[in-house]
Amino acid sequence: SSFSDGLYLGSLCDATNENRLKELGISRIVSLTPPKQIDNIEYLVLDAHDLDNYPIASHFKASINFIREGLNLNQKVFSTTHTNTVAFQSYQLGSSGIGSLAAGVSRSATIVAAFLMEERKLSAEEALLFINDKRPCACPNLGFIQSLLTYESQLEQP
């Protein structure tokens, strides 16, 4: 799913579909699980678990910086996690980069939401609604939603 100019959210299956990545012009992937790496794509690989008590916010800064850097270079960025998804169903968010997680449902959606909150000054709710509009299966776990709400309050501080 494309969410903005060059920012995509999808599954690990999407992130390993070399032909589709080339077609979309993806040059960076944020992956919260170790992916099969493809030549000419820069990766940010983070070990994150889809558990309510996992400290996903510990990955916000590195992920946001990696995405922002790619977009500033007019690159396309993809965010993904692993899953058994068969079809390529990434959604463009509107940015130049690629974020990659497994199913593109919880972890990667949370990372993309944090990016949108910081870059577009959206609330956690607005970011999640925006993502859900583009990728209806996106549904961060309750702990990740709480992490986004905490991050929102941190962003609001002067």
Protein backbone atom coordinates (compact mmCIF):
# COMPACT_ATOMS: atom_id res chain seq x y z
CA SER A 1 0.00 0.00 0.00
CA SER A 2 1.29 3.43 -0.87
CA PHE A 3 0.67 5.96 1.88
CA SER A 4 2.47 9.00 0.60
CA ASP A 5 5.05 9.95 -2.02
CA GLY A 6 7.33 6.92 -2.05
CA LEU A 7 6.42 5.29 1.28
CA TYR A 8 4.93 1.81 1.06
CA LEU A 9 3.62 -0.68 3.60
CA GLY A 10 3.29 -4.38 2.90
CA SER A 11 4.16 -7.92 3.86
CA LEU A 12 7.46 -9.78 3.81
CA CYS A 13 6.22 -11.52 0.68
CA ASP A 14 5.90 -8.08 -0.89
CA ALA A 15 9.38 -7.12 0.29
CA THR A 16 10.96 -10.17 -1.34
CA ASN A 17 9.17 -9.83 -4.70
CA GLU A 18 12.20 -8.51 -6.58
CA ASN A 19 10.33 -7.80 -9.82
CA ARG A 20 7.60 -5.80 -8.06
CA LEU A 21 10.14 -3.87 -5.99
CA LYS A 22 12.02 -2.92 -9.16
CA GLU A 23 8.74 -1.98 -10.85
CA LEU A 24 7.91 0.35 -7.95
CA GLY A 25 11.45 1.71 -7.79
CA ILE A 26 11.94 0.66 -4.16
CA SER A 27 15.47 1.33 -2.93
CA ARG A 28 15.12 1.03 0.88
CA ILE A 29 13.38 -1.45 3.14
CA VAL A 30 12.71 -1.16 6.87
CA SER A 31 12.30 -4.71 8.10
CA LEU A 32 11.42 -5.75 11.63
CA THR A 33 12.27 -9.35 10.79
CA PRO A 34 15.30 -10.62 8.85
CA PRO A 35 14.32 -10.64 5.15
CA LYS A 36 15.87 -12.26 2.12
CA GLN A 37 17.98 -9.34 0.95
CA ILE A 38 17.97 -8.17 -2.64
CA ASP A 39 20.89 -6.47 -4.40
CA ASN A 40 20.75 -2.68 -4.80
CA ILE A 41 18.32 -2.24 -1.90
CA GLU A 42 19.43 -0.70 1.38
CA TYR A 43 18.01 -2.37 4.49
CA LEU A 44 17.36 -1.32 8.04
CA VAL A 45 16.75 -4.62 9.82
CA LEU A 46 15.38 -4.44 13.35
CA ASP A 47 14.53 -7.40 15.55
CA ALA A 48 11.00 -6.67 16.79
CA HIS A 49 8.33 -8.98 18.13
CA ASP A 50 4.57 -8.63 17.73
CA LEU A 51 3.84 -8.80 21.45
CA ASP A 52 1.78 -6.30 23.44
CA ASN A 53 4.63 -5.75 25.88
CA TYR A 54 7.38 -5.41 23.23
CA PRO A 55 9.04 -1.92 23.37
CA ILE A 56 8.36 -1.02 19.72
CA ALA A 57 9.08 2.65 20.47
CA SER A 58 12.74 1.74 20.85
CA HIS A 59 12.79 1.42 17.03
CA PHE A 60 10.97 4.68 16.22
CA LYS A 61 14.01 6.96 15.96
CA ALA A 62 16.14 4.69 13.74
CA SER A 63 13.18 3.81 11.51
CA ILE A 64 11.97 7.39 11.12
CA ASN A 65 15.49 8.61 10.33
CA PHE A 66 16.01 5.82 7.76
CA ILE A 67 12.67 6.56 6.08
CA ARG A 68 13.18 10.34 6.16
CA GLU A 69 16.70 10.03 4.73
CA GLY A 70 15.43 7.89 1.86
CA LEU A 71 12.56 10.21 1.07
CA ASN A 72 14.85 13.24 1.19
CA LEU A 73 16.96 11.47 -1.46
CA ASN A 74 13.80 10.86 -3.51
CA GLN A 75 14.08 7.14 -2.86
CA LYS A 76 11.12 4.83 -2.33
CA VAL A 77 10.88 3.15 1.07
CA PHE A 78 8.98 0.00 2.04
CA SER A 79 8.04 -1.23 5.52
CA THR A 80 7.30 -4.92 6.13
CA THR A 81 7.23 -7.95 8.44
CA HIS A 82 6.96 -11.70 7.73
CA THR A 83 3.82 -13.62 6.77
CA ASN A 84 2.48 -16.26 4.43
CA THR A 85 0.90 -13.67 2.12
CA VAL A 86 0.98 -14.85 -1.48
CA ALA A 87 -0.01 -11.77 -3.49
CA PHE A 88 1.85 -8.49 -3.69
CA GLN A 89 -0.45 -6.12 -1.84
CA SER A 90 1.70 -3.22 -0.79
CA TYR A 91 0.08 0.17 -0.55
CA GLN A 92 1.72 3.45 -1.43
CA LEU A 93 1.73 6.01 1.34
CA GLY A 94 3.16 8.84 -0.72
CA SER A 95 6.91 9.03 -0.17
CA SER A 96 10.18 7.71 -1.63
CA GLY A 97 11.25 4.70 0.37
CA ILE A 98 10.12 1.28 1.48
CA GLY A 99 9.31 -0.05 4.90
CA SER A 100 9.16 -3.79 5.41
CA LEU A 101 7.70 -6.00 8.10
CA ALA A 102 6.08 -9.45 8.10
CA ALA A 103 2.39 -9.06 7.36
CA GLY A 104 2.38 -5.30 7.26
CA VAL A 105 -0.37 -5.39 9.88
CA SER A 106 1.00 -4.58 13.34
CA ARG A 107 4.74 -3.85 13.63
CA SER A 108 5.26 -2.17 10.27
CA ALA A 109 1.98 -0.26 10.54
CA THR A 110 3.15 1.05 13.92
CA ILE A 111 6.50 2.19 12.49
CA VAL A 112 4.78 3.93 9.56
CA ALA A 113 2.28 5.55 11.97
CA ALA A 114 5.13 6.92 14.10
CA PHE A 115 6.74 8.34 10.95
CA LEU A 116 3.49 9.97 9.83
CA MET A 117 2.94 11.40 13.32
CA GLU A 118 6.36 13.04 13.34
CA GLU A 119 6.51 14.14 9.71
CA ARG A 120 2.90 15.16 9.13
CA LYS A 121 2.12 16.21 12.70
CA LEU A 122 -0.74 13.71 12.92
CA SER A 123 -2.17 12.31 16.13
CA ALA A 124 -1.84 8.56 16.71
CA GLU A 125 -5.52 8.16 15.83
CA GLU A 126 -5.19 10.20 12.63
CA ALA A 127 -2.10 8.27 11.54
CA LEU A 128 -3.75 4.90 12.18
CA LEU A 129 -6.94 5.94 10.38
CA PHE A 130 -4.88 7.16 7.43
CA ILE A 131 -3.00 3.85 7.28
CA ASN A 132 -6.17 1.80 7.73
CA ASP A 133 -7.79 3.69 4.85
CA LYS A 134 -4.92 2.59 2.59
CA ARG A 135 -4.35 -0.87 4.11
CA PRO A 136 -7.55 -2.06 5.84
CA CYS A 137 -5.84 -5.09 7.39
CA ALA A 138 -3.45 -2.84 9.34
CA CYS A 139 -4.12 -3.31 13.04
CA PRO A 140 -1.35 -2.69 15.58
CA ASN A 141 -1.64 -4.68 18.78
CA LEU A 142 -2.83 -2.88 21.93
CA GLY A 143 0.66 -2.43 23.32
CA PHE A 144 1.82 -0.80 20.09
CA ILE A 145 -1.20 1.52 20.09
CA GLN A 146 -0.26 2.55 23.64
CA SER A 147 3.31 3.17 22.45
CA LEU A 148 1.96 5.45 19.71
CA LEU A 149 -0.19 7.35 22.22
CA THR A 150 2.86 7.82 24.46
CA TYR A 151 4.87 8.96 21.44
CA GLU A 152 2.11 11.41 20.56
CA SER A 153 2.35 13.01 24.00
CA GLN A 154 6.16 13.24 23.62
CA LEU A 155 5.80 14.94 20.23
CA GLU A 156 3.37 17.48 21.72
CA GLN A 157 5.90 18.61 24.32
CA PRO A 158 7.77 21.80 23.38
